Amino acid sequence: MKVTIQNIGTGITVPPVVHARFSIGDVLKHRSFGFRGVVFDIDPVFANSEEWYESIPEHARPDKQQPFYHLLAENGENSYVAYVSQQNLVADDSEEPVDHPAITGLFGDYADGKYQLRPRHRH
């Protein structure tokens, strides 16, 4: 459920309240393209450039008012960083670790489909 709140006194509309389904360290899979990745950051709503957003074919553009996830991703051939909307992600049930060179710098142990964030990166 999304709730939009308007501050009556100022006329300012606050973005809808949304909840992230996934958390940092979760291993996820892209719903359509099948690549896998581990979450290392989450934006509560779209926070990338308009140029990036406009590069997505119009019929496939996700709603901006949802969480977007930064992933250390792999597709079997390459490692890269991906920025993906919540609607395009599902939990990965393969129980296989993600092969990305930056994982060891941010995360420690991998167990039960999740990486543990190293203590120095926790807030």
PDB file of N, CA and C in Angstrom:
ATOM      1  N   MET A   1       0.832  -1.174   0.000  1.00  0.00           N
ATOM      2  CA  MET A   1       0.000   0.000   0.000  1.00  0.00           C
ATOM      3  C   MET A   1       0.878   1.238   0.000  1.00  0.00           C
ATOM      4  N   LYS A   2       0.564   2.193  -0.855  1.00  0.00           N
ATOM      5  CA  LYS A   2       1.293   3.451  -0.909  1.00  0.00           C
ATOM      6  C   LYS A   2       0.402   4.553  -0.349  1.00  0.00           C
ATOM      7  N   VAL A   3       0.988   5.421   0.447  1.00  0.00           N
ATOM      8  CA  VAL A   3       0.250   6.529   1.044  1.00  0.00           C
ATOM      9  C   VAL A   3       0.959   7.819   0.679  1.00  0.00           C
ATOM     10  N   THR A   4       0.231   8.762   0.106  1.00  0.00           N
ATOM     11  CA  THR A   4       0.796  10.073  -0.193  1.00  0.00           C
ATOM     12  C   THR A   4       0.288  11.039   0.853  1.00  0.00           C
ATOM     13  N   ILE A   5       1.212  11.795   1.428  1.00  0.00           N
ATOM     14  CA  ILE A   5       0.859  12.738   2.488  1.00  0.00           C
ATOM     15  C   ILE A   5       1.117  14.150   1.967  1.00  0.00           C
ATOM     16  N   GLN A   6       0.164  15.030   2.151  1.00  0.00           N
ATOM     17  CA  GLN A   6       0.364  16.420   1.765  1.00  0.00           C
ATOM     18  C   GLN A   6       0.336  17.276   3.013  1.00  0.00           C
ATOM     19  N   ASN A   7       1.353  18.108   3.155  1.00  0.00           N
ATOM     20  CA  ASN A   7       1.415  19.028   4.274  1.00  0.00           C
ATOM     21  C   ASN A   7       0.505  20.204   3.923  1.00  0.00           C
ATOM     22  N   ILE A   8      -0.633  20.287   4.583  1.00  0.00           N
ATOM     23  CA  ILE A   8      -1.652  21.292   4.274  1.00  0.00           C
ATOM     24  C   ILE A   8      -1.110  22.719   4.407  1.00  0.00           C
ATOM     25  N   GLY A   9      -0.295  22.979   5.410  1.00  0.00           N
ATOM     26  CA  GLY A   9       0.205  24.324   5.651  1.00  0.00           C
ATOM     27  C   GLY A   9       1.158  24.828   4.573  1.00  0.00           C
ATOM     28  N   THR A  10       1.948  23.922   3.974  1.00  0.00           N
ATOM     29  CA  THR A  10       2.936  24.364   2.994  1.00  0.00           C
ATOM     30  C   THR A  10       2.574  23.972   1.571  1.00  0.00           C
ATOM     31  N   GLY A  11       1.645  23.047   1.412  1.00  0.00           N
ATOM     32  CA  GLY A  11       1.296  22.578   0.080  1.00  0.00           C
ATOM     33  C   GLY A  11       2.324  21.620  -0.503  1.00  0.00           C
ATOM     34  N   ILE A  12       3.301  21.184   0.300  1.00  0.00           N
ATOM     35  CA  ILE A  12       4.342  20.270  -0.160  1.00  0.00           C
ATOM     36  C   ILE A  12       3.810  18.846  -0.087  1.00  0.00           C
ATOM     37  N   THR A  13       3.996  18.101  -1.168  1.00  0.00           N
ATOM     38  CA  THR A  13       3.594  16.700  -1.189  1.00  0.00           C
ATOM     39  C   THR A  13       4.817  15.837  -0.913  1.00  0.00           C
ATOM     40  N   VAL A  14       4.690  14.961   0.044  1.00  0.00           N
ATOM     41  CA  VAL A  14       5.756  14.043   0.421  1.00  0.00           C
ATOM     42  C   VAL A  14       5.618  12.794  -0.453  1.00  0.00           C
ATOM     43  N   PRO A  15       6.747  12.206  -0.904  1.00  0.00           N
ATOM     44  CA  PRO A  15       6.647  10.989  -1.719  1.00  0.00           C
ATOM     45  C   PRO A  15       5.896   9.886  -0.974  1.00  0.00           C
ATOM     46  N   PRO A  16       5.284   8.971  -1.721  1.00  0.00           N
ATOM     47  CA  PRO A  16       4.572   7.862  -1.085  1.00  0.00           C
ATOM     48  C   PRO A  16       5.495   7.069  -0.161  1.00  0.00           C
ATOM     49  N   VAL A  17       4.933   6.490   0.869  1.00  0.00           N
ATOM     50  CA  VAL A  17       5.682   5.647   1.790  1.00  0.00           C
ATOM     51  C   VAL A  17       5.769   4.258   1.166  1.00  0.00           C
ATOM     52  N   VAL A  18       6.973   3.783   0.947  1.00  0.00           N
ATOM     53  CA  VAL A  18       7.166   2.463   0.353  1.00  0.00           C
ATOM     54  C   VAL A  18       8.087   1.657   1.257  1.00  0.00           C
ATOM     55  N   HIS A  19       8.008   0.369   1.128  1.00  0.00           N
ATOM     56  CA  HIS A  19       8.809  -0.523   1.958  1.00  0.00           C
ATOM     57  C   HIS A  19       9.639  -1.445   1.083  1.00  0.00           C
ATOM     58  N   ALA A  20      10.901  -1.570   1.415  1.00  0.00           N
ATOM     59  CA  ALA A  20      11.798  -2.457   0.686  1.00  0.00           C
ATOM     60  C   ALA A  20      11.500  -3.902   1.069  1.00  0.00           C
ATOM     61  N   ARG A  21      11.341  -4.746   0.075  1.00  0.00           N
ATOM     62  CA  ARG A  21      11.113  -6.179   0.300  1.00  0.00           C
ATOM     63  C   ARG A  21      12.401  -6.912   0.626  1.00  0.00           C
ATOM     64  N   PHE A  22      13.512  -6.370   0.149  1.00  0.00           N
ATOM     65  CA  PHE A  22      14.799  -7.038   0.283  1.00  0.00           C
ATOM     66  C   PHE A  22      15.738  -6.173   1.112  1.00  0.00           C
ATOM     67  N   SER A  23      16.832  -6.763   1.574  1.00  0.00           N
ATOM     68  CA  SER A  23      17.767  -6.013   2.409  1.00  0.00           C
ATOM     69  C   SER A  23      19.204  -6.206   1.925  1.00  0.00           C
ATOM     70  N   ILE A  24      20.088  -5.396   2.469  1.00  0.00           N
ATOM     71  CA  ILE A  24      21.492  -5.468   2.115  1.00  0.00           C
ATOM     72  C   ILE A  24      22.020  -6.858   2.449  1.00  0.00           C
ATOM     73  N   GLY A  25      22.727  -7.437   1.480  1.00  0.00           N
ATOM     74  CA  GLY A  25      23.275  -8.789   1.632  1.00  0.00           C
ATOM     75  C   GLY A  25      22.437  -9.863   0.963  1.00  0.00           C
ATOM     76  N   ASP A  26      21.178  -9.563   0.628  1.00  0.00           N
ATOM     77  CA  ASP A  26      20.326 -10.552  -0.043  1.00  0.00           C
ATOM     78  C   ASP A  26      20.827 -10.826  -1.452  1.00  0.00           C
ATOM     79  N   VAL A  27      20.759 -12.090  -1.860  1.00  0.00           N
ATOM     80  CA  VAL A  27      21.078 -12.475  -3.228  1.00  0.00           C
ATOM     81  C   VAL A  27      19.763 -12.539  -3.999  1.00  0.00           C
ATOM     82  N   LEU A  28      19.703 -11.777  -5.095  1.00  0.00           N
ATOM     83  CA  LEU A  28      18.476 -11.647  -5.875  1.00  0.00           C
ATOM     84  C   LEU A  28      18.727 -11.991  -7.337  1.00  0.00           C
ATOM     85  N   LYS A  29      17.626 -12.164  -8.060  1.00  0.00           N
ATOM     86  CA  LYS A  29      17.694 -12.456  -9.482  1.00  0.00           C
ATOM     87  C   LYS A  29      16.750 -11.507 -10.207  1.00  0.00           C
ATOM     88  N   HIS A  30      17.176 -11.029 -11.386  1.00  0.00           N
ATOM     89  CA  HIS A  30      16.312 -10.167 -12.193  1.00  0.00           C
ATOM     90  C   HIS A  30      15.193 -11.018 -12.786  1.00  0.00           C
ATOM     91  N   ARG A  31      13.984 -10.555 -12.629  1.00  0.00           N
ATOM     92  CA  ARG A  31      12.791 -11.284 -13.063  1.00  0.00           C
ATOM     93  C   ARG A  31      12.805 -11.601 -14.558  1.00  0.00           C
ATOM     94  N   SER A  32      13.259 -10.670 -15.387  1.00  0.00           N
ATOM     95  CA  SER A  32      13.217 -10.872 -16.843  1.00  0.00           C
ATOM     96  C   SER A  32      14.543 -11.318 -17.444  1.00  0.00           C
ATOM     97  N   PHE A  33      15.644 -10.735 -16.978  1.00  0.00           N
ATOM     98  CA  PHE A  33      16.933 -10.994 -17.608  1.00  0.00           C
ATOM     99  C   PHE A  33      17.739 -12.096 -16.935  1.00  0.00           C
ATOM    100  N   GLY A  34      17.349 -12.530 -15.754  1.00  0.00           N
ATOM    101  CA  GLY A  34      17.965 -13.681 -15.110  1.00  0.00           C
ATOM    102  C   GLY A  34      19.317 -13.477 -14.461  1.00  0.00           C
ATOM    103  N   PHE A  35      19.901 -12.279 -14.562  1.00  0.00           N
ATOM    104  CA  PHE A  35      21.187 -12.100 -13.894  1.00  0.00           C
ATOM    105  C   PHE A  35      20.975 -12.055 -12.382  1.00  0.00           C
ATOM    106  N   ARG A  36      22.039 -12.386 -11.656  1.00  0.00           N
ATOM    107  CA  ARG A  36      21.989 -12.451 -10.196  1.00  0.00           C
ATOM    108  C   ARG A  36      22.867 -11.366  -9.599  1.00  0.00           C
ATOM    109  N   GLY A  37      22.569 -10.993  -8.349  1.00  0.00           N
ATOM    110  CA  GLY A  37      23.402 -10.008  -7.682  1.00  0.00           C
ATOM    111  C   GLY A  37      23.125  -9.947  -6.198  1.00  0.00           C
ATOM    112  N   VAL A  38      24.031  -9.300  -5.478  1.00  0.00           N
ATOM    113  CA  VAL A  38      23.876  -9.116  -4.038  1.00  0.00           C
ATOM    114  C   VAL A  38      23.623  -7.632  -3.782  1.00  0.00           C
ATOM    115  N   VAL A  39      22.633  -7.334  -2.950  1.00  0.00           N
ATOM    116  CA  VAL A  39      22.250  -5.952  -2.638  1.00  0.00           C
ATOM    117  C   VAL A  39      23.332  -5.314  -1.770  1.00  0.00           C
ATOM    118  N   PHE A  40      23.834  -4.126  -2.214  1.00  0.00           N
ATOM    119  CA  PHE A  40      24.775  -3.398  -1.367  1.00  0.00           C
ATOM    120  C   PHE A  40      24.273  -2.010  -0.989  1.00  0.00           C
ATOM    121  N   ASP A  41      23.170  -1.568  -1.576  1.00  0.00           N
ATOM    122  CA  ASP A  41      22.561  -0.292  -1.199  1.00  0.00           C
ATOM    123  C   ASP A  41      21.131  -0.277  -1.708  1.00  0.00           C
ATOM    124  N   ILE A  42      20.297   0.548  -1.064  1.00  0.00           N
ATOM    125  CA  ILE A  42      18.883   0.636  -1.436  1.00  0.00           C
ATOM    126  C   ILE A  42      18.467   2.097  -1.434  1.00  0.00           C
ATOM    127  N   ASP A  43      17.818   2.523  -2.519  1.00  0.00           N
ATOM    128  CA  ASP A  43      17.197   3.846  -2.583  1.00  0.00           C
ATOM    129  C   ASP A  43      15.699   3.647  -2.361  1.00  0.00           C
ATOM    130  N   PRO A  44      15.071   4.386  -1.448  1.00  0.00           N
ATOM    131  CA  PRO A  44      13.636   4.186  -1.183  1.00  0.00           C
ATOM    132  C   PRO A  44      12.750   4.500  -2.389  1.00  0.00           C
ATOM    133  N   VAL A  45      13.215   5.389  -3.257  1.00  0.00           N
ATOM    134  CA  VAL A  45      12.550   5.695  -4.528  1.00  0.00           C
ATOM    135  C   VAL A  45      13.652   5.917  -5.558  1.00  0.00           C
ATOM    136  N   PHE A  46      13.294   6.036  -6.817  1.00  0.00           N
ATOM    137  CA  PHE A  46      14.259   6.234  -7.898  1.00  0.00           C
ATOM    138  C   PHE A  46      15.198   7.405  -7.590  1.00  0.00           C
ATOM    139  N   ALA A  47      16.505   7.165  -7.729  1.00  0.00           N
ATOM    140  CA  ALA A  47      17.492   8.209  -7.447  1.00  0.00           C
ATOM    141  C   ALA A  47      18.644   8.175  -8.447  1.00  0.00           C
ATOM    142  N   ASN A  48      18.336   7.833  -9.677  1.00  0.00           N
ATOM    143  CA  ASN A  48      19.339   7.827 -10.732  1.00  0.00           C
ATOM    144  C   ASN A  48      19.034   8.981 -11.678  1.00  0.00           C
ATOM    145  N   SER A  49      19.774   9.109 -12.757  1.00  0.00           N
ATOM    146  CA  SER A  49      19.585  10.236 -13.673  1.00  0.00           C
ATOM    147  C   SER A  49      18.371  10.032 -14.582  1.00  0.00           C
ATOM    148  N   GLU A  50      17.831  11.145 -15.047  1.00  0.00           N
ATOM    149  CA  GLU A  50      16.728  11.073 -16.013  1.00  0.00           C
ATOM    150  C   GLU A  50      17.205  10.438 -17.307  1.00  0.00           C
ATOM    151  N   GLU A  51      18.446  10.685 -17.666  1.00  0.00           N
ATOM    152  CA  GLU A  51      19.010  10.080 -18.874  1.00  0.00           C
ATOM    153  C   GLU A  51      18.981   8.548 -18.764  1.00  0.00           C
ATOM    154  N   TRP A  52      19.377   8.027 -17.603  1.00  0.00           N
ATOM    155  CA  TRP A  52      19.341   6.577 -17.382  1.00  0.00           C
ATOM    156  C   TRP A  52      17.904   6.067 -17.509  1.00  0.00           C
ATOM    157  N   TYR A  53      16.969   6.766 -16.868  1.00  0.00           N
ATOM    158  CA  TYR A  53      15.561   6.352 -16.885  1.00  0.00           C
ATOM    159  C   TYR A  53      14.993   6.381 -18.303  1.00  0.00           C
ATOM    160  N   GLU A  54      15.288   7.436 -19.039  1.00  0.00           N
ATOM    161  CA  GLU A  54      14.775   7.580 -20.403  1.00  0.00           C
ATOM    162  C   GLU A  54      15.381   6.553 -21.355  1.00  0.00           C
ATOM    163  N   SER A  55      16.538   5.968 -20.996  1.00  0.00           N
ATOM    164  CA  SER A  55      17.160   4.957 -21.854  1.00  0.00           C
ATOM    165  C   SER A  55      16.418   3.623 -21.809  1.00  0.00           C
ATOM    166  N   ILE A  56      15.555   3.452 -20.833  1.00  0.00           N
ATOM    167  CA  ILE A  56      14.738   2.236 -20.730  1.00  0.00           C
ATOM    168  C   ILE A  56      13.580   2.372 -21.707  1.00  0.00           C
ATOM    169  N   PRO A  57      13.304   1.353 -22.526  1.00  0.00           N
ATOM    170  CA  PRO A  57      12.154   1.443 -23.429  1.00  0.00           C
ATOM    171  C   PRO A  57      10.884   1.799 -22.652  1.00  0.00           C
ATOM    172  N   GLU A  58      10.094   2.694 -23.196  1.00  0.00           N
ATOM    173  CA  GLU A  58       8.934   3.234 -22.483  1.00  0.00           C
ATOM    174  C   GLU A  58       8.008   2.152 -21.939  1.00  0.00           C
ATOM    175  N   HIS A  59       7.787   1.100 -22.720  1.00  0.00           N
ATOM    176  CA  HIS A  59       6.883   0.035 -22.276  1.00  0.00           C
ATOM    177  C   HIS A  59       7.433  -0.744 -21.072  1.00  0.00           C
ATOM    178  N   ALA A  60       8.736  -0.626 -20.814  1.00  0.00           N
ATOM    179  CA  ALA A  60       9.363  -1.381 -19.726  1.00  0.00           C
ATOM    180  C   ALA A  60       9.796  -0.508 -18.553  1.00  0.00           C
ATOM    181  N   ARG A  61       9.558   0.795 -18.620  1.00  0.00           N
ATOM    182  CA  ARG A  61      10.006   1.694 -17.540  1.00  0.00           C
ATOM    183  C   ARG A  61       9.251   1.408 -16.252  1.00  0.00           C
ATOM    184  N   PRO A  62      10.000   1.190 -15.178  1.00  0.00           N
ATOM    185  CA  PRO A  62       9.353   0.932 -13.886  1.00  0.00           C
ATOM    186  C   PRO A  62       8.861   2.228 -13.245  1.00  0.00           C
ATOM    187  N   ASP A  63       7.905   2.091 -12.364  1.00  0.00           N
ATOM    188  CA  ASP A  63       7.413   3.213 -11.568  1.00  0.00           C
ATOM    189  C   ASP A  63       8.569   3.722 -10.719  1.00  0.00           C
ATOM    190  N   LYS A  64       8.742   5.030 -10.646  1.00  0.00           N
ATOM    191  CA  LYS A  64       9.821   5.616  -9.852  1.00  0.00           C
ATOM    192  C   LYS A  64       9.531   5.574  -8.355  1.00  0.00           C
ATOM    193  N   GLN A  65       8.295   5.422  -7.968  1.00  0.00           N
ATOM    194  CA  GLN A  65       7.910   5.468  -6.552  1.00  0.00           C
ATOM    195  C   GLN A  65       7.949   4.072  -5.925  1.00  0.00           C
ATOM    196  N   GLN A  66       9.098   3.445  -5.987  1.00  0.00           N
ATOM    197  CA  GLN A  66       9.320   2.136  -5.374  1.00  0.00           C
ATOM    198  C   GLN A  66      10.805   2.039  -5.051  1.00  0.00           C
ATOM    199  N   PRO A  67      11.203   1.116  -4.195  1.00  0.00           N
ATOM    200  CA  PRO A  67      12.630   0.960  -3.913  1.00  0.00           C
ATOM    201  C   PRO A  67      13.412   0.539  -5.165  1.00  0.00           C
ATOM    202  N   PHE A  68      14.633   1.055  -5.253  1.00  0.00           N
ATOM    203  CA  PHE A  68      15.581   0.655  -6.294  1.00  0.00           C
ATOM    204  C   PHE A  68      16.819   0.134  -5.592  1.00  0.00           C
ATOM    205  N   TYR A  69      17.357  -0.965  -6.088  1.00  0.00           N
ATOM    206  CA  TYR A  69      18.451  -1.671  -5.443  1.00  0.00           C
ATOM    207  C   TYR A  69      19.737  -1.559  -6.260  1.00  0.00           C
ATOM    208  N   HIS A  70      20.840  -1.328  -5.550  1.00  0.00           N
ATOM    209  CA  HIS A  70      22.173  -1.350  -6.142  1.00  0.00           C
ATOM    210  C   HIS A  70      22.702  -2.767  -5.916  1.00  0.00           C
ATOM    211  N   LEU A  71      23.059  -3.448  -6.998  1.00  0.00           N
ATOM    212  CA  LEU A  71      23.514  -4.831  -6.907  1.00  0.00           C
ATOM    213  C   LEU A  71      24.931  -4.985  -7.432  1.00  0.00           C
ATOM    214  N   LEU A  72      25.727  -5.804  -6.761  1.00  0.00           N
ATOM    215  CA  LEU A  72      26.965  -6.315  -7.325  1.00  0.00           C
ATOM    216  C   LEU A  72      26.516  -7.527  -8.118  1.00  0.00           C
ATOM    217  N   ALA A  73      26.491  -7.384  -9.435  1.00  0.00           N
ATOM    218  CA  ALA A  73      25.819  -8.375 -10.278  1.00  0.00           C
ATOM    219  C   ALA A  73      26.787  -9.182 -11.125  1.00  0.00           C
ATOM    220  N   GLU A  74      26.284 -10.327 -11.592  1.00  0.00           N
ATOM    221  CA  GLU A  74      27.017 -11.204 -12.503  1.00  0.00           C
ATOM    222  C   GLU A  74      26.016 -11.852 -13.452  1.00  0.00           C
ATOM    223  N   ASN A  75      26.483 -12.133 -14.649  1.00  0.00           N
ATOM    224  CA  ASN A  75      25.614 -12.816 -15.600  1.00  0.00           C
ATOM    225  C   ASN A  75      26.260 -14.057 -16.191  1.00  0.00           C
ATOM    226  N   GLY A  76      27.257 -14.588 -15.548  1.00  0.00           N
ATOM    227  CA  GLY A  76      27.955 -15.768 -16.049  1.00  0.00           C
ATOM    228  C   GLY A  76      29.169 -15.415 -16.895  1.00  0.00           C
ATOM    229  N   GLU A  77      29.157 -14.223 -17.505  1.00  0.00           N
ATOM    230  CA  GLU A  77      30.272 -13.780 -18.328  1.00  0.00           C
ATOM    231  C   GLU A  77      30.964 -12.556 -17.749  1.00  0.00           C
ATOM    232  N   ASN A  78      30.188 -11.668 -17.105  1.00  0.00           N
ATOM    233  CA  ASN A  78      30.726 -10.397 -16.624  1.00  0.00           C
ATOM    234  C   ASN A  78      30.254 -10.099 -15.206  1.00  0.00           C
ATOM    235  N   SER A  79      31.031  -9.252 -14.538  1.00  0.00           N
ATOM    236  CA  SER A  79      30.643  -8.696 -13.247  1.00  0.00           C
ATOM    237  C   SER A  79      30.429  -7.209 -13.452  1.00  0.00           C
ATOM    238  N   TYR A  80      29.407  -6.649 -12.808  1.00  0.00           N
ATOM    239  CA  TYR A  80      29.094  -5.238 -12.980  1.00  0.00           C
ATOM    240  C   TYR A  80      28.208  -4.775 -11.845  1.00  0.00           C
ATOM    241  N   VAL A  81      27.907  -3.483 -11.800  1.00  0.00           N
ATOM    242  CA  VAL A  81      26.977  -2.932 -10.834  1.00  0.00           C
ATOM    243  C   VAL A  81      25.672  -2.667 -11.565  1.00  0.00           C
ATOM    244  N   ALA A  82      24.565  -3.120 -10.996  1.00  0.00           N
ATOM    245  CA  ALA A  82      23.250  -2.932 -11.607  1.00  0.00           C
ATOM    246  C   ALA A  82      22.368  -2.095 -10.685  1.00  0.00           C
ATOM    247  N   TYR A  83      21.441  -1.370 -11.270  1.00  0.00           N
ATOM    248  CA  TYR A  83      20.465  -0.546 -10.544  1.00  0.00           C
ATOM    249  C   TYR A  83      19.102  -1.031 -11.007  1.00  0.00           C
ATOM    250  N   VAL A  84      18.341  -1.658 -10.087  1.00  0.00           N
ATOM    251  CA  VAL A  84      17.137  -2.370 -10.494  1.00  0.00           C
ATOM    252  C   VAL A  84      15.966  -2.034  -9.573  1.00  0.00           C
ATOM    253  N   SER A  85      14.798  -1.848 -10.185  1.00  0.00           N
ATOM    254  CA  SER A  85      13.575  -1.575  -9.425  1.00  0.00           C
ATOM    255  C   SER A  85      13.111  -2.831  -8.694  1.00  0.00           C
ATOM    256  N   GLN A  86      12.428  -2.621  -7.588  1.00  0.00           N
ATOM    257  CA  GLN A  86      11.924  -3.737  -6.785  1.00  0.00           C
ATOM    258  C   GLN A  86      11.035  -4.664  -7.607  1.00  0.00           C
ATOM    259  N   GLN A  87      10.197  -4.098  -8.483  1.00  0.00           N
ATOM    260  CA  GLN A  87       9.260  -4.914  -9.251  1.00  0.00           C
ATOM    261  C   GLN A  87       9.966  -5.902 -10.171  1.00  0.00           C
ATOM    262  N   ASN A  88      11.241  -5.668 -10.474  1.00  0.00           N
ATOM    263  CA  ASN A  88      11.980  -6.535 -11.385  1.00  0.00           C
ATOM    264  C   ASN A  88      12.890  -7.530 -10.684  1.00  0.00           C
ATOM    265  N   LEU A  89      12.777  -7.655  -9.374  1.00  0.00           N
ATOM    266  CA  LEU A  89      13.647  -8.560  -8.625  1.00  0.00           C
ATOM    267  C   LEU A  89      12.864  -9.626  -7.878  1.00  0.00           C
ATOM    268  N   VAL A  90      13.468 -10.798  -7.784  1.00  0.00           N
ATOM    269  CA  VAL A  90      12.934 -11.900  -6.976  1.00  0.00           C
ATOM    270  C   VAL A  90      14.092 -12.504  -6.193  1.00  0.00           C
ATOM    271  N   ALA A  91      13.780 -13.153  -5.105  1.00  0.00           N
ATOM    272  CA  ALA A  91      14.816 -13.834  -4.325  1.00  0.00           C
ATOM    273  C   ALA A  91      15.426 -14.943  -5.180  1.00  0.00           C
ATOM    274  N   ASP A  92      16.738 -15.095  -5.080  1.00  0.00           N
ATOM    275  CA  ASP A  92      17.424 -16.168  -5.800  1.00  0.00           C
ATOM    276  C   ASP A  92      17.467 -17.385  -4.890  1.00  0.00           C
ATOM    277  N   ASP A  93      16.948 -18.494  -5.365  1.00  0.00           N
ATOM    278  CA  ASP A  93      16.887 -19.695  -4.522  1.00  0.00           C
ATOM    279  C   ASP A  93      17.954 -20.727  -4.877  1.00  0.00           C
ATOM    280  N   SER A  94      18.971 -20.322  -5.640  1.00  0.00           N
ATOM    281  CA  SER A  94      20.004 -21.271  -6.069  1.00  0.00           C
ATOM    282  C   SER A  94      20.952 -21.667  -4.938  1.00  0.00           C
ATOM    283  N   GLU A  95      21.028 -20.841  -3.869  1.00  0.00           N
ATOM    284  CA  GLU A  95      21.970 -21.060  -2.761  1.00  0.00           C
ATOM    285  C   GLU A  95      23.427 -20.991  -3.210  1.00  0.00           C
ATOM    286  N   GLU A  96      23.683 -20.449  -4.399  1.00  0.00           N
ATOM    287  CA  GLU A  96      25.038 -20.277  -4.907  1.00  0.00           C
ATOM    288  C   GLU A  96      25.520 -18.863  -4.612  1.00  0.00           C
ATOM    289  N   PRO A  97      26.790 -18.693  -4.241  1.00  0.00           N
ATOM    290  CA  PRO A  97      27.319 -17.342  -4.025  1.00  0.00           C
ATOM    291  C   PRO A  97      27.404 -16.583  -5.351  1.00  0.00           C
ATOM    292  N   VAL A  98      27.470 -15.266  -5.271  1.00  0.00           N
ATOM    293  CA  VAL A  98      27.611 -14.410  -6.443  1.00  0.00           C
ATOM    294  C   VAL A  98      29.103 -14.219  -6.709  1.00  0.00           C
ATOM    295  N   ASP A  99      29.494 -14.285  -7.973  1.00  0.00           N
ATOM    296  CA  ASP A  99      30.893 -14.141  -8.351  1.00  0.00           C
ATOM    297  C   ASP A  99      31.140 -12.702  -8.807  1.00  0.00           C
ATOM    298  N   HIS A 100      31.511 -11.841  -7.862  1.00  0.00           N
ATOM    299  CA  HIS A 100      31.812 -10.436  -8.167  1.00  0.00           C
ATOM    300  C   HIS A 100      33.031 -10.045  -7.352  1.00  0.00           C
ATOM    301  N   PRO A 101      34.032  -9.408  -7.967  1.00  0.00           N
ATOM    302  CA  PRO A 101      35.270  -9.097  -7.247  1.00  0.00           C
ATOM    303  C   PRO A 101      35.118  -8.123  -6.079  1.00  0.00           C
ATOM    304  N   ALA A 102      34.060  -7.317  -6.038  1.00  0.00           N
ATOM    305  CA  ALA A 102      33.891  -6.341  -4.952  1.00  0.00           C
ATOM    306  C   ALA A 102      33.223  -6.924  -3.710  1.00  0.00           C
ATOM    307  N   ILE A 103      32.726  -8.133  -3.787  1.00  0.00           N
ATOM    308  CA  ILE A 103      31.996  -8.720  -2.654  1.00  0.00           C
ATOM    309  C   ILE A 103      32.876  -8.832  -1.412  1.00  0.00           C
ATOM    310  N   THR A 104      34.092  -9.292  -1.558  1.00  0.00           N
ATOM    311  CA  THR A 104      34.945  -9.501  -0.376  1.00  0.00           C
ATOM    312  C   THR A 104      35.286  -8.194   0.333  1.00  0.00           C
ATOM    313  N   GLY A 105      35.223  -7.065  -0.357  1.00  0.00           N
ATOM    314  CA  GLY A 105      35.482  -5.789   0.281  1.00  0.00           C
ATOM    315  C   GLY A 105      34.336  -5.303   1.156  1.00  0.00           C
ATOM    316  N   LEU A 106      33.120  -5.718   0.849  1.00  0.00           N
ATOM    317  CA  LEU A 106      31.931  -5.275   1.596  1.00  0.00           C
ATOM    318  C   LEU A 106      31.332  -6.332   2.510  1.00  0.00           C
ATOM    319  N   PHE A 107      31.451  -7.589   2.088  1.00  0.00           N
ATOM    320  CA  PHE A 107      30.755  -8.663   2.784  1.00  0.00           C
ATOM    321  C   PHE A 107      31.715  -9.740   3.278  1.00  0.00           C
ATOM    322  N   GLY A 108      31.268 -10.402   4.320  1.00  0.00           N
ATOM    323  CA  GLY A 108      32.009 -11.527   4.871  1.00  0.00           C
ATOM    324  C   GLY A 108      31.358 -12.829   4.451  1.00  0.00           C
ATOM    325  N   ASP A 109      30.915 -13.581   5.439  1.00  0.00           N
ATOM    326  CA  ASP A 109      30.367 -14.910   5.212  1.00  0.00           C
ATOM    327  C   ASP A 109      29.101 -14.903   4.364  1.00  0.00           C
ATOM    328  N   TYR A 110      28.930 -16.000   3.612  1.00  0.00           N
ATOM    329  CA  TYR A 110      27.724 -16.236   2.812  1.00  0.00           C
ATOM    330  C   TYR A 110      27.046 -17.482   3.360  1.00  0.00           C
ATOM    331  N   ALA A 111      25.790 -17.370   3.734  1.00  0.00           N
ATOM    332  CA  ALA A 111      25.042 -18.520   4.239  1.00  0.00           C
ATOM    333  C   ALA A 111      23.557 -18.282   4.031  1.00  0.00           C
ATOM    334  N   ASP A 112      22.853 -19.333   3.690  1.00  0.00           N
ATOM    335  CA  ASP A 112      21.394 -19.293   3.540  1.00  0.00           C
ATOM    336  C   ASP A 112      20.934 -18.207   2.566  1.00  0.00           C
ATOM    337  N   GLY A 113      21.665 -18.026   1.460  1.00  0.00           N
ATOM    338  CA  GLY A 113      21.267 -17.073   0.438  1.00  0.00           C
ATOM    339  C   GLY A 113      21.502 -15.621   0.782  1.00  0.00           C
ATOM    340  N   LYS A 114      22.355 -15.356   1.771  1.00  0.00           N
ATOM    341  CA  LYS A 114      22.580 -13.981   2.203  1.00  0.00           C
ATOM    342  C   LYS A 114      24.043 -13.789   2.597  1.00  0.00           C
ATOM    343  N   TYR A 115      24.571 -12.619   2.256  1.00  0.00           N
ATOM    344  CA  TYR A 115      25.907 -12.229   2.686  1.00  0.00           C
ATOM    345  C   TYR A 115      25.795 -11.377   3.939  1.00  0.00           C
ATOM    346  N   GLN A 116      26.773 -11.526   4.817  1.00  0.00           N
ATOM    347  CA  GLN A 116      26.836 -10.716   6.033  1.00  0.00           C
ATOM    348  C   GLN A 116      27.723  -9.509   5.767  1.00  0.00           C
ATOM    349  N   LEU A 117      27.186  -8.315   6.016  1.00  0.00           N
ATOM    350  CA  LEU A 117      27.941  -7.085   5.820  1.00  0.00           C
ATOM    351  C   LEU A 117      29.092  -7.037   6.815  1.00  0.00           C
ATOM    352  N   ARG A 118      30.266  -6.665   6.363  1.00  0.00           N
ATOM    353  CA  ARG A 118      31.424  -6.552   7.260  1.00  0.00           C
ATOM    354  C   ARG A 118      31.131  -5.464   8.297  1.00  0.00           C
ATOM    355  N   PRO A 119      31.561  -5.625   9.540  1.00  0.00           N
ATOM    356  CA  PRO A 119      31.258  -4.671  10.605  1.00  0.00           C
ATOM    357  C   PRO A 119      31.629  -3.223  10.293  1.00  0.00           C
ATOM    358  N   ARG A 120      32.703  -2.966   9.592  1.00  0.00           N
ATOM    359  CA  ARG A 120      33.107  -1.587   9.331  1.00  0.00           C
ATOM    360  C   ARG A 120      32.169  -0.871   8.363  1.00  0.00           C
ATOM    361  N   HIS A 121      31.277  -1.596   7.694  1.00  0.00           N
ATOM    362  CA  HIS A 121      30.336  -0.982   6.755  1.00  0.00           C
ATOM    363  C   HIS A 121      28.942  -0.820   7.343  1.00  0.00           C
ATOM    364  N   ARG A 122      28.736  -1.263   8.568  1.00  0.00           N
ATOM    365  CA  ARG A 122      27.419  -1.133   9.194  1.00  0.00           C
ATOM    366  C   ARG A 122      27.251   0.254   9.758  1.00  0.00           C
ATOM    367  N   HIS A 123      26.018   0.733   9.748  1.00  0.00           N
ATOM    368  CA  HIS A 123      25.719   2.062  10.300  1.00  0.00           C
ATOM    369  C   HIS A 123      25.466   1.983  11.780  1.00  0.00           C
TER     370      HIS A 123
END
